[in-house]
N, C-alpha and C. Protein backbone atom coordinates (compact mmCIF):
# COMPACT_ATOMS: atom_id res chain seq x y z
N UNK A 1 3.58 33.16 -36.44
CA UNK A 1 4.23 31.90 -36.09
C UNK A 1 3.60 30.80 -36.94
N UNK A 2 4.41 29.91 -37.45
CA UNK A 2 3.86 28.83 -38.27
C UNK A 2 3.05 27.87 -37.42
N UNK A 3 2.17 27.16 -38.07
CA UNK A 3 1.30 26.20 -37.38
C UNK A 3 2.15 25.14 -36.66
N UNK A 4 3.21 24.62 -37.29
CA UNK A 4 4.06 23.59 -36.70
C UNK A 4 4.77 24.11 -35.45
N UNK A 5 5.29 25.35 -35.51
CA UNK A 5 5.95 25.93 -34.34
C UNK A 5 4.96 26.13 -33.20
N UNK A 6 3.75 26.54 -33.53
CA UNK A 6 2.71 26.75 -32.53
C UNK A 6 2.37 25.43 -31.84
N UNK A 7 2.21 24.37 -32.63
CA UNK A 7 1.90 23.05 -32.07
C UNK A 7 3.06 22.56 -31.20
N UNK A 8 4.29 22.68 -31.71
CA UNK A 8 5.47 22.24 -30.95
C UNK A 8 5.59 23.01 -29.64
N UNK A 9 5.38 24.33 -29.71
CA UNK A 9 5.44 25.15 -28.49
C UNK A 9 4.37 24.73 -27.50
N UNK A 10 3.18 24.46 -28.01
CA UNK A 10 2.08 24.02 -27.14
C UNK A 10 2.38 22.70 -26.46
N UNK A 11 2.94 21.76 -27.21
CA UNK A 11 3.29 20.45 -26.63
C UNK A 11 4.37 20.61 -25.57
N UNK A 12 5.39 21.42 -25.87
CA UNK A 12 6.48 21.63 -24.91
C UNK A 12 5.94 22.29 -23.64
N UNK A 13 5.11 23.30 -23.78
CA UNK A 13 4.53 23.99 -22.63
C UNK A 13 3.66 23.05 -21.81
N UNK A 14 2.85 22.24 -22.47
CA UNK A 14 1.99 21.28 -21.76
C UNK A 14 2.82 20.27 -21.01
N UNK A 15 3.92 19.79 -21.61
CA UNK A 15 4.74 18.79 -20.93
C UNK A 15 5.43 19.38 -19.71
N UNK A 16 5.85 20.65 -19.78
CA UNK A 16 6.47 21.30 -18.63
C UNK A 16 5.47 21.40 -17.48
N UNK A 17 4.24 21.87 -17.78
CA UNK A 17 3.23 22.00 -16.73
C UNK A 17 2.80 20.66 -16.17
N UNK A 18 2.65 19.64 -17.03
CA UNK A 18 2.23 18.33 -16.53
C UNK A 18 3.33 17.70 -15.70
N UNK A 19 4.60 17.90 -16.05
CA UNK A 19 5.71 17.36 -15.25
C UNK A 19 5.74 18.02 -13.90
N UNK A 20 5.50 19.35 -13.85
CA UNK A 20 5.48 20.03 -12.56
C UNK A 20 4.32 19.55 -11.71
N UNK A 21 3.16 19.34 -12.33
CA UNK A 21 2.00 18.88 -11.57
C UNK A 21 2.23 17.46 -11.08
N UNK A 22 2.87 16.62 -11.90
CA UNK A 22 3.11 15.23 -11.51
C UNK A 22 4.13 15.14 -10.40
N UNK A 23 5.08 16.10 -10.35
CA UNK A 23 6.12 16.07 -9.34
C UNK A 23 5.60 16.52 -7.98
N UNK A 24 4.46 17.18 -7.92
CA UNK A 24 3.91 17.66 -6.67
C UNK A 24 3.33 16.54 -5.83
N UNK A 25 3.03 16.86 -4.59
CA UNK A 25 2.43 15.88 -3.69
C UNK A 25 1.00 15.59 -4.11
N UNK A 26 0.67 14.31 -4.16
CA UNK A 26 -0.68 13.88 -4.53
C UNK A 26 -1.25 13.05 -3.38
N UNK A 27 -2.46 13.36 -2.97
CA UNK A 27 -3.12 12.61 -1.91
C UNK A 27 -3.94 11.48 -2.51
N UNK A 28 -4.09 10.40 -1.75
CA UNK A 28 -4.93 9.30 -2.21
C UNK A 28 -5.61 8.65 -1.02
N UNK A 29 -6.66 7.89 -1.31
CA UNK A 29 -7.46 7.21 -0.29
C UNK A 29 -8.05 5.98 -0.99
N UNK A 30 -7.72 4.79 -0.51
CA UNK A 30 -8.13 3.57 -1.21
C UNK A 30 -8.24 2.38 -0.26
N UNK A 31 -8.66 1.25 -0.82
CA UNK A 31 -8.72 -0.02 -0.09
C UNK A 31 -7.88 -1.05 -0.82
N UNK A 32 -7.26 -1.92 -0.05
CA UNK A 32 -6.51 -3.05 -0.60
C UNK A 32 -6.90 -4.28 0.21
N UNK A 33 -7.08 -5.40 -0.47
CA UNK A 33 -7.49 -6.64 0.21
C UNK A 33 -6.41 -7.70 0.08
N UNK A 34 -6.30 -8.54 1.11
CA UNK A 34 -5.22 -9.52 1.21
C UNK A 34 -5.77 -10.89 1.62
N UNK A 35 -5.05 -11.93 1.23
CA UNK A 35 -5.36 -13.28 1.69
C UNK A 35 -4.08 -14.11 1.75
N UNK A 36 -4.03 -15.02 2.69
CA UNK A 36 -2.88 -15.90 2.79
C UNK A 36 -2.82 -16.58 4.15
N UNK A 37 -1.86 -17.49 4.29
CA UNK A 37 -1.75 -18.24 5.53
C UNK A 37 -1.12 -17.44 6.67
N UNK A 38 -1.60 -17.72 7.86
CA UNK A 38 -1.03 -17.15 9.08
C UNK A 38 -0.51 -18.29 9.95
N UNK A 39 0.62 -18.09 10.58
CA UNK A 39 1.22 -19.07 11.49
C UNK A 39 1.09 -18.48 12.89
N UNK A 40 0.40 -19.20 13.77
CA UNK A 40 0.01 -18.63 15.07
C UNK A 40 0.60 -19.38 16.24
N UNK A 41 0.86 -18.63 17.31
CA UNK A 41 1.14 -19.18 18.63
C UNK A 41 0.07 -18.62 19.55
N UNK A 42 -0.81 -19.48 20.04
CA UNK A 42 -1.84 -19.07 21.00
C UNK A 42 -1.35 -19.54 22.36
N UNK A 43 -0.64 -18.68 23.06
CA UNK A 43 -0.01 -19.06 24.32
C UNK A 43 -1.03 -19.17 25.46
N UNK A 44 -1.83 -18.15 25.63
CA UNK A 44 -2.82 -18.11 26.71
C UNK A 44 -3.87 -17.08 26.33
N UNK A 45 -4.92 -16.95 27.16
CA UNK A 45 -5.92 -15.91 26.91
C UNK A 45 -5.23 -14.55 26.80
N UNK A 46 -5.51 -13.83 25.74
CA UNK A 46 -4.94 -12.50 25.58
C UNK A 46 -3.49 -12.49 25.14
N UNK A 47 -2.94 -13.65 24.77
CA UNK A 47 -1.55 -13.70 24.33
C UNK A 47 -1.44 -14.57 23.09
N UNK A 48 -1.33 -13.89 21.94
CA UNK A 48 -1.20 -14.59 20.66
C UNK A 48 -0.17 -13.85 19.81
N UNK A 49 0.57 -14.60 19.04
CA UNK A 49 1.50 -13.98 18.09
C UNK A 49 1.47 -14.77 16.80
N UNK A 50 1.98 -14.17 15.76
CA UNK A 50 1.98 -14.87 14.49
C UNK A 50 2.75 -14.15 13.42
N UNK A 51 2.88 -14.85 12.31
CA UNK A 51 3.47 -14.28 11.11
C UNK A 51 2.58 -14.65 9.94
N UNK A 52 2.73 -13.92 8.85
CA UNK A 52 1.88 -14.18 7.69
C UNK A 52 2.62 -13.83 6.41
N UNK A 53 2.21 -14.50 5.35
CA UNK A 53 2.66 -14.22 3.99
C UNK A 53 1.39 -14.13 3.15
N UNK A 54 1.03 -12.92 2.76
CA UNK A 54 -0.23 -12.72 2.06
C UNK A 54 0.00 -12.11 0.68
N UNK A 55 -0.97 -12.33 -0.20
CA UNK A 55 -0.98 -11.64 -1.48
C UNK A 55 -2.16 -10.68 -1.46
N UNK A 56 -2.04 -9.61 -2.22
CA UNK A 56 -3.10 -8.61 -2.19
C UNK A 56 -3.36 -8.01 -3.55
N UNK A 57 -4.52 -7.40 -3.65
CA UNK A 57 -4.88 -6.65 -4.86
C UNK A 57 -5.35 -5.27 -4.45
N UNK A 58 -4.95 -4.31 -5.27
CA UNK A 58 -5.31 -2.92 -5.02
C UNK A 58 -5.96 -2.34 -6.27
N UNK A 59 -7.30 -2.21 -6.26
CA UNK A 59 -7.93 -1.58 -7.41
C UNK A 59 -7.45 -0.14 -7.58
N UNK A 60 -7.06 0.50 -6.45
CA UNK A 60 -6.56 1.87 -6.51
C UNK A 60 -7.62 2.85 -6.95
N UNK A 61 -7.17 4.02 -7.32
CA UNK A 61 -8.05 5.09 -7.77
C UNK A 61 -7.65 5.47 -9.18
N UNK A 62 -8.64 5.62 -10.04
CA UNK A 62 -8.37 6.02 -11.43
C UNK A 62 -7.50 7.27 -11.45
N UNK A 63 -6.48 7.25 -12.29
CA UNK A 63 -5.60 8.41 -12.42
C UNK A 63 -4.41 8.42 -11.49
N UNK A 64 -4.29 7.44 -10.59
CA UNK A 64 -3.13 7.37 -9.71
C UNK A 64 -2.25 6.21 -10.17
N UNK A 65 -0.96 6.23 -9.81
CA UNK A 65 -0.09 5.11 -10.20
C UNK A 65 -0.41 3.82 -9.43
N UNK A 66 -1.26 3.89 -8.42
CA UNK A 66 -1.62 2.70 -7.64
C UNK A 66 -2.78 1.92 -8.25
N UNK A 67 -3.22 2.29 -9.43
CA UNK A 67 -4.37 1.65 -10.08
C UNK A 67 -4.03 0.24 -10.52
N UNK A 68 -4.87 -0.73 -10.14
CA UNK A 68 -4.81 -2.14 -10.57
C UNK A 68 -3.43 -2.76 -10.33
N UNK A 69 -3.06 -2.86 -9.07
CA UNK A 69 -1.76 -3.44 -8.71
C UNK A 69 -1.97 -4.73 -7.91
N UNK A 70 -0.98 -5.60 -7.98
CA UNK A 70 -0.94 -6.81 -7.17
C UNK A 70 0.28 -6.72 -6.26
N UNK A 71 0.20 -7.39 -5.12
CA UNK A 71 1.33 -7.32 -4.19
C UNK A 71 1.45 -8.53 -3.32
N UNK A 72 2.58 -8.56 -2.63
CA UNK A 72 2.80 -9.58 -1.62
C UNK A 72 3.37 -8.90 -0.38
N UNK A 73 2.97 -9.39 0.79
CA UNK A 73 3.41 -8.80 2.05
C UNK A 73 3.83 -9.91 3.01
N UNK A 74 4.87 -9.62 3.78
CA UNK A 74 5.30 -10.48 4.87
C UNK A 74 5.23 -9.67 6.14
N UNK A 75 4.66 -10.25 7.20
CA UNK A 75 4.53 -9.50 8.43
C UNK A 75 4.49 -10.39 9.65
N UNK A 76 4.58 -9.75 10.80
CA UNK A 76 4.51 -10.44 12.09
C UNK A 76 3.74 -9.56 13.06
N UNK A 77 3.10 -10.20 14.02
CA UNK A 77 2.32 -9.44 15.01
C UNK A 77 2.32 -10.18 16.34
N UNK A 78 1.97 -9.43 17.38
CA UNK A 78 1.68 -10.02 18.68
C UNK A 78 0.57 -9.21 19.33
N UNK A 79 -0.30 -9.90 20.05
CA UNK A 79 -1.33 -9.28 20.87
C UNK A 79 -1.10 -9.78 22.28
N UNK A 80 -0.66 -8.87 23.14
CA UNK A 80 -0.35 -9.23 24.52
C UNK A 80 -1.09 -8.26 25.43
N UNK A 81 -1.98 -8.80 26.24
CA UNK A 81 -2.71 -7.97 27.20
C UNK A 81 -3.49 -6.84 26.54
N UNK A 82 -4.08 -7.08 25.37
CA UNK A 82 -4.89 -6.07 24.71
C UNK A 82 -4.11 -5.07 23.88
N UNK A 83 -2.81 -5.25 23.75
CA UNK A 83 -1.99 -4.35 22.94
C UNK A 83 -1.49 -5.08 21.69
N UNK A 84 -1.76 -4.49 20.54
CA UNK A 84 -1.36 -5.06 19.26
C UNK A 84 -0.05 -4.43 18.81
N UNK A 85 0.87 -5.23 18.29
CA UNK A 85 2.14 -4.75 17.74
C UNK A 85 2.38 -5.51 16.44
N UNK A 86 2.46 -4.78 15.32
CA UNK A 86 2.58 -5.43 14.02
C UNK A 86 3.55 -4.65 13.13
N UNK A 87 4.32 -5.36 12.32
CA UNK A 87 5.18 -4.72 11.33
C UNK A 87 5.44 -5.65 10.17
N UNK A 88 5.82 -5.09 9.05
CA UNK A 88 6.10 -5.90 7.89
C UNK A 88 6.51 -5.08 6.69
N UNK A 89 6.52 -5.73 5.54
CA UNK A 89 6.90 -5.07 4.30
C UNK A 89 6.07 -5.64 3.15
N UNK A 90 5.89 -4.83 2.10
CA UNK A 90 5.12 -5.24 0.93
C UNK A 90 5.84 -4.78 -0.34
N UNK A 91 5.65 -5.56 -1.39
CA UNK A 91 6.09 -5.17 -2.72
C UNK A 91 4.87 -5.23 -3.62
N UNK A 92 4.61 -4.13 -4.34
CA UNK A 92 3.49 -4.07 -5.28
C UNK A 92 4.02 -3.89 -6.70
N UNK A 93 3.30 -4.46 -7.66
CA UNK A 93 3.71 -4.41 -9.07
C UNK A 93 2.50 -4.04 -9.94
N UNK A 94 2.77 -3.25 -10.98
CA UNK A 94 1.69 -2.90 -11.92
C UNK A 94 1.82 -3.74 -13.19
N UNK A 95 0.93 -3.54 -14.13
CA UNK A 95 0.89 -4.35 -15.36
C UNK A 95 2.16 -4.21 -16.18
N UNK A 96 2.87 -3.09 -16.07
CA UNK A 96 4.11 -2.87 -16.82
C UNK A 96 5.31 -3.52 -16.15
N UNK A 97 5.12 -4.05 -14.93
CA UNK A 97 6.24 -4.66 -14.20
C UNK A 97 6.98 -3.69 -13.30
N UNK A 98 6.51 -2.43 -13.22
CA UNK A 98 7.13 -1.45 -12.32
C UNK A 98 6.69 -1.77 -10.90
N UNK A 99 7.63 -1.64 -9.95
CA UNK A 99 7.37 -2.06 -8.57
C UNK A 99 7.72 -0.97 -7.57
N UNK A 100 7.07 -1.04 -6.41
CA UNK A 100 7.53 -0.27 -5.26
C UNK A 100 7.51 -1.16 -4.03
N UNK A 101 8.41 -0.84 -3.09
CA UNK A 101 8.60 -1.62 -1.87
C UNK A 101 8.34 -0.68 -0.70
N UNK A 102 7.54 -1.13 0.26
CA UNK A 102 7.22 -0.31 1.41
C UNK A 102 7.25 -1.09 2.70
N UNK A 103 7.35 -0.37 3.80
CA UNK A 103 7.33 -0.96 5.14
C UNK A 103 6.17 -0.36 5.92
N UNK A 104 5.67 -1.12 6.88
CA UNK A 104 4.52 -0.65 7.66
C UNK A 104 4.63 -1.13 9.11
N UNK A 105 3.87 -0.47 9.98
CA UNK A 105 3.78 -0.89 11.38
C UNK A 105 2.47 -0.38 11.95
N UNK A 106 2.07 -1.00 13.04
CA UNK A 106 0.85 -0.59 13.76
C UNK A 106 1.00 -1.06 15.19
N UNK A 107 0.65 -0.19 16.14
CA UNK A 107 0.81 -0.52 17.56
C UNK A 107 -0.34 0.10 18.35
N UNK A 108 -0.84 -0.63 19.34
CA UNK A 108 -1.89 -0.08 20.21
C UNK A 108 -3.10 -0.98 20.30
N UNK A 109 -4.25 -0.37 20.52
CA UNK A 109 -5.52 -1.08 20.63
C UNK A 109 -5.82 -1.74 19.29
N UNK A 110 -5.99 -3.09 19.25
CA UNK A 110 -6.19 -3.75 17.96
C UNK A 110 -7.46 -3.30 17.23
N UNK A 111 -8.42 -2.76 17.94
CA UNK A 111 -9.68 -2.33 17.30
C UNK A 111 -9.61 -0.92 16.74
N UNK A 112 -8.67 -0.09 17.23
CA UNK A 112 -8.72 1.32 16.81
C UNK A 112 -7.37 1.93 16.41
N UNK A 113 -6.28 1.21 16.58
CA UNK A 113 -4.97 1.79 16.28
C UNK A 113 -4.75 1.92 14.78
N UNK A 114 -4.35 3.12 14.35
CA UNK A 114 -3.97 3.33 12.96
C UNK A 114 -2.50 2.97 12.80
N UNK A 115 -2.18 2.36 11.67
CA UNK A 115 -0.80 2.06 11.35
C UNK A 115 -0.20 3.11 10.45
N UNK A 116 1.11 3.05 10.27
CA UNK A 116 1.81 3.92 9.35
C UNK A 116 2.53 3.08 8.30
N UNK A 117 2.76 3.65 7.14
CA UNK A 117 3.51 2.98 6.10
C UNK A 117 4.31 4.03 5.33
N UNK A 118 5.37 3.56 4.65
CA UNK A 118 6.14 4.47 3.80
C UNK A 118 6.82 3.68 2.69
N UNK A 119 6.98 4.32 1.56
CA UNK A 119 7.69 3.73 0.42
C UNK A 119 9.18 3.88 0.67
N UNK A 120 9.95 2.80 0.46
CA UNK A 120 11.40 2.88 0.66
C UNK A 120 12.19 2.68 -0.63
N UNK A 121 11.56 2.15 -1.69
CA UNK A 121 12.27 1.96 -2.96
C UNK A 121 11.27 1.69 -4.07
N UNK A 122 11.67 2.00 -5.29
CA UNK A 122 10.83 1.71 -6.44
C UNK A 122 11.66 1.46 -7.69
N UNK A 123 11.02 0.82 -8.67
CA UNK A 123 11.66 0.58 -9.96
C UNK A 123 10.77 1.15 -11.06
N UNK A 124 11.33 1.34 -12.26
CA UNK A 124 10.54 1.87 -13.37
C UNK A 124 9.94 3.22 -13.01
N UNK A 125 8.65 3.39 -13.27
CA UNK A 125 8.02 4.69 -13.00
C UNK A 125 7.98 5.02 -11.51
N UNK A 126 8.20 4.02 -10.64
CA UNK A 126 8.22 4.26 -9.19
C UNK A 126 9.62 4.56 -8.66
N UNK A 127 10.64 4.64 -9.54
CA UNK A 127 12.03 4.79 -9.10
C UNK A 127 12.24 6.03 -8.25
N UNK A 128 11.59 7.13 -8.55
CA UNK A 128 11.77 8.37 -7.79
C UNK A 128 10.59 8.67 -6.88
N UNK A 129 9.84 7.65 -6.54
CA UNK A 129 8.65 7.84 -5.71
C UNK A 129 9.05 7.95 -4.24
N UNK A 130 8.37 8.84 -3.54
CA UNK A 130 8.47 8.89 -2.08
C UNK A 130 7.06 9.11 -1.56
N UNK A 131 6.83 8.70 -0.35
CA UNK A 131 5.50 8.92 0.20
C UNK A 131 5.22 7.99 1.36
N UNK A 132 4.05 8.15 1.88
CA UNK A 132 3.62 7.35 3.01
C UNK A 132 2.26 7.79 3.47
N UNK A 133 1.84 7.19 4.56
CA UNK A 133 0.54 7.53 5.08
C UNK A 133 0.14 6.64 6.23
N UNK A 134 -1.14 6.40 6.32
CA UNK A 134 -1.71 5.60 7.40
C UNK A 134 -2.55 4.47 6.82
N UNK A 135 -2.83 3.49 7.65
CA UNK A 135 -3.68 2.37 7.26
C UNK A 135 -4.42 1.84 8.47
N UNK A 136 -5.53 1.21 8.19
CA UNK A 136 -6.36 0.66 9.26
C UNK A 136 -7.12 -0.54 8.70
N UNK A 137 -7.10 -1.69 9.40
CA UNK A 137 -7.93 -2.80 8.94
C UNK A 137 -9.40 -2.39 8.94
N UNK A 138 -10.14 -2.82 7.93
CA UNK A 138 -11.56 -2.48 7.87
C UNK A 138 -12.44 -3.70 8.01
N UNK A 139 -11.84 -4.86 8.19
CA UNK A 139 -12.64 -6.04 8.44
C UNK A 139 -12.12 -7.26 7.71
N UNK A 140 -12.55 -8.39 8.22
CA UNK A 140 -12.17 -9.68 7.65
C UNK A 140 -13.36 -10.30 6.95
N UNK A 141 -13.08 -11.06 5.91
CA UNK A 141 -14.11 -11.84 5.25
C UNK A 141 -14.40 -13.07 6.09
N UNK A 142 -15.52 -13.74 5.87
CA UNK A 142 -15.80 -14.98 6.60
C UNK A 142 -14.68 -16.01 6.35
N UNK A 143 -14.50 -16.88 7.31
CA UNK A 143 -13.46 -17.91 7.18
C UNK A 143 -13.70 -18.75 5.93
N UNK A 144 -12.61 -19.09 5.25
CA UNK A 144 -12.70 -19.83 3.99
C UNK A 144 -12.87 -21.33 4.19
N UNK A 145 -12.69 -21.79 5.40
CA UNK A 145 -12.72 -23.23 5.67
C UNK A 145 -11.32 -23.82 5.75
N UNK A 146 -10.34 -23.07 5.28
CA UNK A 146 -8.95 -23.50 5.41
C UNK A 146 -8.43 -23.00 6.75
N UNK A 147 -7.75 -23.84 7.51
CA UNK A 147 -7.26 -23.40 8.82
C UNK A 147 -6.19 -22.31 8.71
N UNK A 148 -6.24 -21.37 9.64
CA UNK A 148 -5.23 -20.31 9.76
C UNK A 148 -5.04 -19.51 8.48
N UNK A 149 -6.14 -19.20 7.81
CA UNK A 149 -6.09 -18.40 6.58
C UNK A 149 -6.61 -17.01 6.89
N UNK A 150 -5.82 -15.99 6.53
CA UNK A 150 -6.23 -14.60 6.71
C UNK A 150 -6.93 -14.12 5.44
N UNK A 151 -8.07 -13.43 5.59
CA UNK A 151 -8.81 -12.83 4.48
C UNK A 151 -9.34 -11.48 4.97
N UNK A 152 -8.74 -10.39 4.56
CA UNK A 152 -9.22 -9.09 5.03
C UNK A 152 -8.77 -7.94 4.15
N UNK A 153 -9.31 -6.76 4.46
CA UNK A 153 -9.01 -5.55 3.69
C UNK A 153 -8.55 -4.44 4.63
N UNK A 154 -7.78 -3.52 4.06
CA UNK A 154 -7.32 -2.33 4.78
C UNK A 154 -7.78 -1.08 4.06
N UNK A 155 -8.02 -0.04 4.84
CA UNK A 155 -8.22 1.31 4.32
C UNK A 155 -6.85 1.97 4.39
N UNK A 156 -6.38 2.53 3.28
CA UNK A 156 -5.05 3.15 3.21
C UNK A 156 -5.19 4.55 2.66
N UNK A 157 -4.51 5.51 3.27
CA UNK A 157 -4.57 6.88 2.79
C UNK A 157 -3.23 7.54 3.06
N UNK A 158 -2.95 8.58 2.30
CA UNK A 158 -1.70 9.28 2.46
C UNK A 158 -1.39 10.13 1.24
N UNK A 159 -0.10 10.31 0.98
CA UNK A 159 0.32 11.12 -0.16
C UNK A 159 1.62 10.57 -0.71
N UNK A 160 1.90 10.93 -1.95
CA UNK A 160 3.14 10.52 -2.59
C UNK A 160 3.60 11.61 -3.55
N UNK A 161 4.87 11.57 -3.89
CA UNK A 161 5.41 12.41 -4.93
C UNK A 161 6.22 11.53 -5.88
N UNK A 162 6.23 11.89 -7.13
CA UNK A 162 7.03 11.20 -8.14
C UNK A 162 7.69 12.27 -9.00
N UNK A 163 8.97 12.09 -9.27
CA UNK A 163 9.70 13.09 -10.09
C UNK A 163 9.59 12.77 -11.54
């Protein structure tokens, strides 16, 4: 076999195997941090609700499509009698301008309830993405001095597939 045919065959074979590996389910585990204003109703002891519009950054994990992304999220929550109920949506974008859109929710004990999230749409390299997982707040930063400002990070884990 000529050298050129051997190289071409090798490239074709490598691309087939890498496409199959990329199409499989990939697990990830990362942190993302957010900041932005919160609008609150403090009705009584143990009864608060609010909405927020935050921006976030995700350093992600090297080798995953979630590496070095920025995002924005809109959400709402209520804490009534020790029960937390929260839901919202986020859009994240990478340096190439490719985006994915996801929805999330969390319900239960505000100190220990895990939330769920899932991807519902993507553009560019995220167009055929599907996936989801869980998330949990891991803590807030000290208050910035601005009233009603949220500053905190989440632990996010799950899996995704891309075709």
